[in-house]
Every structure is written in structure tokens, then in C-alpha cells.
Amino acid sequence: MVVQVCVGSSCHLKGSPEIVELLQNAIEENNLGDEITLVGSFCIGKCNRIGVTVQVDDDIHTGITRENFKEFFREQIVQKLG
């Protein structure tokens, strides 16, 4: 699975460094390092007013924030791997 985080200027201002850190920690805590490739990307083209854009394989998710990160990780990453 490839998880791509937008680190373009808009998402950077909305917290992409924090989302990258949360993803790194969650991947490590769940021992998913062999199953997930985490990469940064410039604009994915789906800017949102709130939060960061993250692409999981071919699915684009907008509005990822610290507050909804756990739900996003569980539903869009862990469940899809299981």
C-alpha cells in the first residue's frame, strides 16, 4: 500500500508535517512498515479548506486533521490491509 501525503504549500500550512509524523508513528506502532510505503507529494489537486490531502493507493482523502486522524488511519489504512 502506498500512502502519499500532500506537502505542498497549502497542506503544509494546514498541518501536513504533523500528519506525516502521526502516520510514521501509527505505522510503527502497528508494525506495518513492511506493508506501507509512506511518501510525500506536492499538490495532489484536491485542496480542501480544512486539513491535509492524503492519497491511499488510488483513493484520495481530504480534510485529514489531528482530530480525525485515528479514524482515518483505522478505516482507510488498517481495515484495507486486513
PDB file of N, CA and C in Angstrom:
ATOM      1  N   MET A   1       0.853  -1.173   0.000  1.00  0.00           N
ATOM      2  CA  MET A   1       0.000   0.000   0.000  1.00  0.00           C
ATOM      3  C   MET A   1       0.899   1.236   0.000  1.00  0.00           C
ATOM      4  N   VAL A   2       0.547   2.202  -0.833  1.00  0.00           N
ATOM      5  CA  VAL A   2       1.275   3.464  -0.876  1.00  0.00           C
ATOM      6  C   VAL A   2       0.392   4.550  -0.274  1.00  0.00           C
ATOM      7  N   VAL A   3       0.923   5.228   0.746  1.00  0.00           N
ATOM      8  CA  VAL A   3       0.229   6.344   1.391  1.00  0.00           C
ATOM      9  C   VAL A   3       1.021   7.596   1.057  1.00  0.00           C
ATOM     10  N   GLN A   4       0.367   8.493   0.345  1.00  0.00           N
ATOM     11  CA  GLN A   4       1.011   9.700  -0.163  1.00  0.00           C
ATOM     12  C   GLN A   4       0.400  10.918   0.511  1.00  0.00           C
ATOM     13  N   VAL A   5       1.222  11.705   1.186  1.00  0.00           N
ATOM     14  CA  VAL A   5       0.747  12.887   1.902  1.00  0.00           C
ATOM     15  C   VAL A   5       1.144  14.127   1.116  1.00  0.00           C
ATOM     16  N   CYS A   6       0.185  14.989   0.863  1.00  0.00           N
ATOM     17  CA  CYS A   6       0.486  16.250   0.202  1.00  0.00           C
ATOM     18  C   CYS A   6       1.310  17.118   1.150  1.00  0.00           C
ATOM     19  N   VAL A   7       2.446  17.599   0.648  1.00  0.00           N
ATOM     20  CA  VAL A   7       3.283  18.506   1.427  1.00  0.00           C
ATOM     21  C   VAL A   7       3.442  19.837   0.690  1.00  0.00           C
ATOM     22  N   GLY A   8       2.528  20.083  -0.239  1.00  0.00           N
ATOM     23  CA  GLY A   8       2.527  21.358  -0.949  1.00  0.00           C
ATOM     24  C   GLY A   8       2.224  22.493   0.020  1.00  0.00           C
ATOM     25  N   SER A   9       2.346  23.712  -0.445  1.00  0.00           N
ATOM     26  CA  SER A   9       2.248  24.874   0.450  1.00  0.00           C
ATOM     27  C   SER A   9       0.932  24.942   1.211  1.00  0.00           C
ATOM     28  N   SER A  10      -0.178  24.679   0.560  1.00  0.00           N
ATOM     29  CA  SER A  10      -1.476  24.770   1.236  1.00  0.00           C
ATOM     30  C   SER A  10      -1.601  23.715   2.336  1.00  0.00           C
ATOM     31  N   CYS A  11      -1.286  22.470   2.005  1.00  0.00           N
ATOM     32  CA  CYS A  11      -1.379  21.397   3.009  1.00  0.00           C
ATOM     33  C   CYS A  11      -0.315  21.571   4.094  1.00  0.00           C
ATOM     34  N   HIS A  12       0.851  22.085   3.711  1.00  0.00           N
ATOM     35  CA  HIS A  12       1.888  22.337   4.713  1.00  0.00           C
ATOM     36  C   HIS A  12       1.367  23.290   5.782  1.00  0.00           C
ATOM     37  N   LEU A  13       0.700  24.353   5.342  1.00  0.00           N
ATOM     38  CA  LEU A  13       0.147  25.328   6.287  1.00  0.00           C
ATOM     39  C   LEU A  13      -0.986  24.736   7.125  1.00  0.00           C
ATOM     40  N   LYS A  14      -1.654  23.717   6.596  1.00  0.00           N
ATOM     41  CA  LYS A  14      -2.772  23.085   7.307  1.00  0.00           C
ATOM     42  C   LYS A  14      -2.333  21.904   8.164  1.00  0.00           C
ATOM     43  N   GLY A  15      -1.024  21.637   8.215  1.00  0.00           N
ATOM     44  CA  GLY A  15      -0.544  20.617   9.148  1.00  0.00           C
ATOM     45  C   GLY A  15       0.042  19.355   8.572  1.00  0.00           C
ATOM     46  N   SER A  16       0.458  19.349   7.313  1.00  0.00           N
ATOM     47  CA  SER A  16       0.998  18.100   6.765  1.00  0.00           C
ATOM     48  C   SER A  16       2.213  17.570   7.526  1.00  0.00           C
ATOM     49  N   PRO A  17       3.115  18.413   8.066  1.00  0.00           N
ATOM     50  CA  PRO A  17       4.211  17.829   8.844  1.00  0.00           C
ATOM     51  C   PRO A  17       3.709  17.016  10.046  1.00  0.00           C
ATOM     52  N   GLU A  18       2.657  17.495  10.684  1.00  0.00           N
ATOM     53  CA  GLU A  18       2.090  16.772  11.825  1.00  0.00           C
ATOM     54  C   GLU A  18       1.425  15.467  11.370  1.00  0.00           C
ATOM     55  N   ILE A  19       0.724  15.496  10.237  1.00  0.00           N
ATOM     56  CA  ILE A  19       0.074  14.287   9.728  1.00  0.00           C
ATOM     57  C   ILE A  19       1.132  13.249   9.338  1.00  0.00           C
ATOM     58  N   VAL A  20       2.226  13.694   8.743  1.00  0.00           N
ATOM     59  CA  VAL A  20       3.317  12.774   8.402  1.00  0.00           C
ATOM     60  C   VAL A  20       3.854  12.124   9.677  1.00  0.00           C
ATOM     61  N   GLU A  21       4.056  12.909  10.710  1.00  0.00           N
ATOM     62  CA  GLU A  21       4.550  12.367  11.984  1.00  0.00           C
ATOM     63  C   GLU A  21       3.558  11.376  12.584  1.00  0.00           C
ATOM     64  N   LEU A  22       2.269  11.713  12.554  1.00  0.00           N
ATOM     65  CA  LEU A  22       1.247  10.799  13.071  1.00  0.00           C
ATOM     66  C   LEU A  22       1.245   9.493  12.285  1.00  0.00           C
ATOM     67  N   LEU A  23       1.378   9.588  10.964  1.00  0.00           N
ATOM     68  CA  LEU A  23       1.421   8.387  10.132  1.00  0.00           C
ATOM     69  C   LEU A  23       2.655   7.547  10.438  1.00  0.00           C
ATOM     70  N   GLN A  24       3.802   8.179  10.550  1.00  0.00           N
ATOM     71  CA  GLN A  24       5.025   7.438  10.866  1.00  0.00           C
ATOM     72  C   GLN A  24       4.876   6.682  12.182  1.00  0.00           C
ATOM     73  N   ASN A  25       4.350   7.367  13.186  1.00  0.00           N
ATOM     74  CA  ASN A  25       4.165   6.731  14.495  1.00  0.00           C
ATOM     75  C   ASN A  25       3.151   5.594  14.433  1.00  0.00           C
ATOM     76  N   ALA A  26       2.019   5.818  13.757  1.00  0.00           N
ATOM     77  CA  ALA A  26       0.971   4.798  13.675  1.00  0.00           C
ATOM     78  C   ALA A  26       1.454   3.576  12.899  1.00  0.00           C
ATOM     79  N   ILE A  27       2.204   3.792  11.831  1.00  0.00           N
ATOM     80  CA  ILE A  27       2.742   2.678  11.056  1.00  0.00           C
ATOM     81  C   ILE A  27       3.694   1.857  11.919  1.00  0.00           C
ATOM     82  N   GLU A  28       4.543   2.539  12.659  1.00  0.00           N
ATOM     83  CA  GLU A  28       5.492   1.846  13.534  1.00  0.00           C
ATOM     84  C   GLU A  28       4.779   1.103  14.658  1.00  0.00           C
ATOM     85  N   GLU A  29       3.824   1.774  15.314  1.00  0.00           N
ATOM     86  CA  GLU A  29       3.107   1.162  16.436  1.00  0.00           C
ATOM     87  C   GLU A  29       2.319  -0.067  16.022  1.00  0.00           C
ATOM     88  N   ASN A  30       1.848  -0.087  14.764  1.00  0.00           N
ATOM     89  CA  ASN A  30       1.056  -1.210  14.273  1.00  0.00           C
ATOM     90  C   ASN A  30       1.881  -2.209  13.469  1.00  0.00           C
ATOM     91  N   ASN A  31       3.203  -2.042  13.496  1.00  0.00           N
ATOM     92  CA  ASN A  31       4.120  -2.943  12.783  1.00  0.00           C
ATOM     93  C   ASN A  31       3.736  -3.119  11.312  1.00  0.00           C
ATOM     94  N   LEU A  32       3.462  -1.995  10.638  1.00  0.00           N
ATOM     95  CA  LEU A  32       3.036  -2.040   9.245  1.00  0.00           C
ATOM     96  C   LEU A  32       4.101  -1.541   8.279  1.00  0.00           C
ATOM     97  N   GLY A  33       5.321  -1.402   8.772  1.00  0.00           N
ATOM     98  CA  GLY A  33       6.401  -0.865   7.948  1.00  0.00           C
ATOM     99  C   GLY A  33       6.673  -1.655   6.685  1.00  0.00           C
ATOM    100  N   ASP A  34       6.438  -2.955   6.714  1.00  0.00           N
ATOM    101  CA  ASP A  34       6.668  -3.790   5.533  1.00  0.00           C
ATOM    102  C   ASP A  34       5.508  -3.734   4.547  1.00  0.00           C
ATOM    103  N   GLU A  35       4.375  -3.221   4.984  1.00  0.00           N
ATOM    104  CA  GLU A  35       3.181  -3.214   4.136  1.00  0.00           C
ATOM    105  C   GLU A  35       2.833  -1.837   3.577  1.00  0.00           C
ATOM    106  N   ILE A  36       3.417  -0.778   4.151  1.00  0.00           N
ATOM    107  CA  ILE A  36       3.065   0.587   3.750  1.00  0.00           C
ATOM    108  C   ILE A  36       4.305   1.344   3.317  1.00  0.00           C
ATOM    109  N   THR A  37       4.199   1.997   2.177  1.00  0.00           N
ATOM    110  CA  THR A  37       5.225   2.915   1.723  1.00  0.00           C
ATOM    111  C   THR A  37       4.659   4.318   1.910  1.00  0.00           C
ATOM    112  N   LEU A  38       5.309   5.108   2.759  1.00  0.00           N
ATOM    113  CA  LEU A  38       4.861   6.462   3.057  1.00  0.00           C
ATOM    114  C   LEU A  38       5.708   7.438   2.257  1.00  0.00           C
ATOM    115  N   VAL A  39       5.043   8.261   1.456  1.00  0.00           N
ATOM    116  CA  VAL A  39       5.760   9.226   0.619  1.00  0.00           C
ATOM    117  C   VAL A  39       5.089  10.592   0.702  1.00  0.00           C
ATOM    118  N   GLY A  40       5.879  11.613   0.416  1.00  0.00           N
ATOM    119  CA  GLY A  40       5.355  12.962   0.324  1.00  0.00           C
ATOM    120  C   GLY A  40       5.146  13.315  -1.140  1.00  0.00           C
ATOM    121  N   SER A  41       4.245  14.255  -1.373  1.00  0.00           N
ATOM    122  CA  SER A  41       3.936  14.667  -2.736  1.00  0.00           C
ATOM    123  C   SER A  41       3.574  16.139  -2.738  1.00  0.00           C
ATOM    124  N   PHE A  42       3.894  16.798  -3.820  1.00  0.00           N
ATOM    125  CA  PHE A  42       3.376  18.146  -3.954  1.00  0.00           C
ATOM    126  C   PHE A  42       1.924  18.031  -4.364  1.00  0.00           C
ATOM    127  N   CYS A  43       1.258  19.089  -4.575  1.00  0.00           N
ATOM    128  CA  CYS A  43      -0.203  19.138  -4.710  1.00  0.00           C
ATOM    129  C   CYS A  43      -0.800  17.936  -5.443  1.00  0.00           C
ATOM    130  N   ILE A  44      -1.743  17.290  -4.777  1.00  0.00           N
ATOM    131  CA  ILE A  44      -2.466  16.152  -5.341  1.00  0.00           C
ATOM    132  C   ILE A  44      -3.658  16.658  -6.161  1.00  0.00           C
ATOM    133  N   GLY A  45      -4.010  17.924  -5.974  1.00  0.00           N
ATOM    134  CA  GLY A  45      -5.061  18.536  -6.778  1.00  0.00           C
ATOM    135  C   GLY A  45      -6.444  18.500  -6.163  1.00  0.00           C
ATOM    136  N   LYS A  46      -6.543  18.179  -4.907  1.00  0.00           N
ATOM    137  CA  LYS A  46      -7.843  18.119  -4.235  1.00  0.00           C
ATOM    138  C   LYS A  46      -7.813  18.964  -2.961  1.00  0.00           C
ATOM    139  N   CYS A  47      -7.306  20.166  -3.067  1.00  0.00           N
ATOM    140  CA  CYS A  47      -7.179  21.028  -1.894  1.00  0.00           C
ATOM    141  C   CYS A  47      -8.528  21.210  -1.209  1.00  0.00           C
ATOM    142  N   ASN A  48      -8.467  21.295   0.101  1.00  0.00           N
ATOM    143  CA  ASN A  48      -9.662  21.440   0.924  1.00  0.00           C
ATOM    144  C   ASN A  48      -9.420  22.599   1.865  1.00  0.00           C
ATOM    145  N   ARG A  49     -10.473  23.196   2.329  1.00  0.00           N
ATOM    146  CA  ARG A  49     -10.322  24.334   3.237  1.00  0.00           C
ATOM    147  C   ARG A  49      -9.790  23.922   4.595  1.00  0.00           C
ATOM    148  N   ILE A  50     -10.039  22.690   4.965  1.00  0.00           N
ATOM    149  CA  ILE A  50      -9.622  22.198   6.279  1.00  0.00           C
ATOM    150  C   ILE A  50      -8.782  20.945   6.088  1.00  0.00           C
ATOM    151  N   GLY A  51      -7.661  20.870   6.766  1.00  0.00           N
ATOM    152  CA  GLY A  51      -6.880  19.644   6.804  1.00  0.00           C
ATOM    153  C   GLY A  51      -6.038  19.364   5.577  1.00  0.00           C
ATOM    154  N   VAL A  52      -5.458  18.195   5.606  1.00  0.00           N
ATOM    155  CA  VAL A  52      -4.452  17.761   4.642  1.00  0.00           C
ATOM    156  C   VAL A  52      -5.057  16.723   3.694  1.00  0.00           C
ATOM    157  N   THR A  53      -4.540  16.691   2.463  1.00  0.00           N
ATOM    158  CA  THR A  53      -4.967  15.688   1.492  1.00  0.00           C
ATOM    159  C   THR A  53      -4.000  14.508   1.541  1.00  0.00           C
ATOM    160  N   VAL A  54      -4.567  13.301   1.645  1.00  0.00           N
ATOM    161  CA  VAL A  54      -3.771  12.076   1.701  1.00  0.00           C
ATOM    162  C   VAL A  54      -4.340  11.105   0.666  1.00  0.00           C
ATOM    163  N   GLN A  55      -3.455  10.520  -0.126  1.00  0.00           N
ATOM    164  CA  GLN A  55      -3.867   9.519  -1.102  1.00  0.00           C
ATOM    165  C   GLN A  55      -3.412   8.153  -0.619  1.00  0.00           C
ATOM    166  N   VAL A  56      -4.363   7.221  -0.556  1.00  0.00           N
ATOM    167  CA  VAL A  56      -4.079   5.839  -0.169  1.00  0.00           C
ATOM    168  C   VAL A  56      -4.312   4.996  -1.411  1.00  0.00           C
ATOM    169  N   ASP A  57      -3.209   4.493  -1.980  1.00  0.00           N
ATOM    170  CA  ASP A  57      -3.251   3.843  -3.291  1.00  0.00           C
ATOM    171  C   ASP A  57      -3.960   4.784  -4.271  1.00  0.00           C
ATOM    172  N   ASP A  58      -5.123   4.433  -4.784  1.00  0.00           N
ATOM    173  CA  ASP A  58      -5.798   5.301  -5.761  1.00  0.00           C
ATOM    174  C   ASP A  58      -6.890   6.176  -5.153  1.00  0.00           C
ATOM    175  N   ASP A  59      -7.127   6.056  -3.854  1.00  0.00           N
ATOM    176  CA  ASP A  59      -8.203   6.800  -3.195  1.00  0.00           C
ATOM    177  C   ASP A  59      -7.666   8.076  -2.553  1.00  0.00           C
ATOM    178  N   ILE A  60      -8.295   9.204  -2.862  1.00  0.00           N
ATOM    179  CA  ILE A  60      -7.875  10.493  -2.318  1.00  0.00           C
ATOM    180  C   ILE A  60      -8.813  10.895  -1.188  1.00  0.00           C
ATOM    181  N   HIS A  61      -8.215  11.284  -0.059  1.00  0.00           N
ATOM    182  CA  HIS A  61      -8.969  11.691   1.124  1.00  0.00           C
ATOM    183  C   HIS A  61      -8.557  13.115   1.480  1.00  0.00           C
ATOM    184  N   THR A  62      -9.535  13.962   1.692  1.00  0.00           N
ATOM    185  CA  THR A  62      -9.246  15.355   2.029  1.00  0.00           C
ATOM    186  C   THR A  62      -9.670  15.647   3.459  1.00  0.00           C
ATOM    187  N   GLY A  63      -9.110  16.722   4.001  1.00  0.00           N
ATOM    188  CA  GLY A  63      -9.529  17.173   5.331  1.00  0.00           C
ATOM    189  C   GLY A  63      -8.987  16.356   6.480  1.00  0.00           C
ATOM    190  N   ILE A  64      -7.827  15.728   6.314  1.00  0.00           N
ATOM    191  CA  ILE A  64      -7.257  14.921   7.396  1.00  0.00           C
ATOM    192  C   ILE A  64      -6.605  15.860   8.412  1.00  0.00           C
ATOM    193  N   THR A  65      -7.026  15.736   9.662  1.00  0.00           N
ATOM    194  CA  THR A  65      -6.522  16.580  10.740  1.00  0.00           C
ATOM    195  C   THR A  65      -6.098  15.705  11.906  1.00  0.00           C
ATOM    196  N   ARG A  66      -5.463  16.319  12.882  1.00  0.00           N
ATOM    197  CA  ARG A  66      -5.092  15.590  14.106  1.00  0.00           C
ATOM    198  C   ARG A  66      -6.349  14.980  14.737  1.00  0.00           C
ATOM    199  N   GLU A  67      -7.449  15.710  14.697  1.00  0.00           N
ATOM    200  CA  GLU A  67      -8.685  15.268  15.357  1.00  0.00           C
ATOM    201  C   GLU A  67      -9.311  14.041  14.698  1.00  0.00           C
ATOM    202  N   ASN A  68      -9.225  13.934  13.375  1.00  0.00           N
ATOM    203  CA  ASN A  68      -9.858  12.783  12.719  1.00  0.00           C
ATOM    204  C   ASN A  68      -8.840  11.747  12.238  1.00  0.00           C
ATOM    205  N   PHE A  69      -7.575  11.932  12.623  1.00  0.00           N
ATOM    206  CA  PHE A  69      -6.523  11.037  12.131  1.00  0.00           C
ATOM    207  C   PHE A  69      -6.743   9.578  12.521  1.00  0.00           C
ATOM    208  N   LYS A  70      -7.046   9.305  13.781  1.00  0.00           N
ATOM    209  CA  LYS A  70      -7.186   7.909  14.231  1.00  0.00           C
ATOM    210  C   LYS A  70      -8.273   7.179  13.446  1.00  0.00           C
ATOM    211  N   GLU A  71      -9.400   7.847  13.246  1.00  0.00           N
ATOM    212  CA  GLU A  71     -10.494   7.244  12.477  1.00  0.00           C
ATOM    213  C   GLU A  71     -10.053   6.997  11.029  1.00  0.00           C
ATOM    214  N   PHE A  72      -9.407   7.990  10.430  1.00  0.00           N
ATOM    215  CA  PHE A  72      -8.900   7.844   9.068  1.00  0.00           C
ATOM    216  C   PHE A  72      -7.940   6.657   8.975  1.00  0.00           C
ATOM    217  N   PHE A  73      -6.981   6.575   9.878  1.00  0.00           N
ATOM    218  CA  PHE A  73      -5.984   5.509   9.840  1.00  0.00           C
ATOM    219  C   PHE A  73      -6.642   4.145   9.987  1.00  0.00           C
ATOM    220  N   ARG A  74      -7.557   4.040  10.922  1.00  0.00           N
ATOM    221  CA  ARG A  74      -8.241   2.761  11.161  1.00  0.00           C
ATOM    222  C   ARG A  74      -9.072   2.349   9.944  1.00  0.00           C
ATOM    223  N   GLU A  75      -9.880   3.279   9.426  1.00  0.00           N
ATOM    224  CA  GLU A  75     -10.825   2.925   8.362  1.00  0.00           C
ATOM    225  C   GLU A  75     -10.199   2.849   6.973  1.00  0.00           C
ATOM    226  N   GLN A  76      -9.249   3.709   6.686  1.00  0.00           N
ATOM    227  CA  GLN A  76      -8.725   3.790   5.326  1.00  0.00           C
ATOM    228  C   GLN A  76      -7.396   3.063   5.122  1.00  0.00           C
ATOM    229  N   ILE A  77      -6.748   2.694   6.214  1.00  0.00           N
ATOM    230  CA  ILE A  77      -5.473   2.004   6.080  1.00  0.00           C
ATOM    231  C   ILE A  77      -5.529   0.624   6.726  1.00  0.00           C
ATOM    232  N   VAL A  78      -5.756   0.551   8.022  1.00  0.00           N
ATOM    233  CA  VAL A  78      -5.725  -0.739   8.712  1.00  0.00           C
ATOM    234  C   VAL A  78      -6.785  -1.690   8.163  1.00  0.00           C
ATOM    235  N   GLN A  79      -8.016  -1.221   8.021  1.00  0.00           N
ATOM    236  CA  GLN A  79      -9.087  -2.112   7.543  1.00  0.00           C
ATOM    237  C   GLN A  79      -8.839  -2.573   6.111  1.00  0.00           C
ATOM    238  N   LYS A  80      -8.241  -1.728   5.290  1.00  0.00           N
ATOM    239  CA  LYS A  80      -7.977  -2.126   3.902  1.00  0.00           C
ATOM    240  C   LYS A  80      -6.826  -3.125   3.793  1.00  0.00           C
ATOM    241  N   LEU A  81      -5.941  -3.099   4.785  1.00  0.00           N
ATOM    242  CA  LEU A  81      -4.857  -4.086   4.790  1.00  0.00           C
ATOM    243  C   LEU A  81      -5.325  -5.432   5.308  1.00  0.00           C
ATOM    244  N   GLY A  82      -6.335  -5.404   6.178  1.00  0.00           N
ATOM    245  CA  GLY A  82      -6.810  -6.637   6.811  1.00  0.00           C
ATOM    246  C   GLY A  82      -7.767  -7.323   5.961  1.00  0.00           C
TER     247      GLY A  82
END
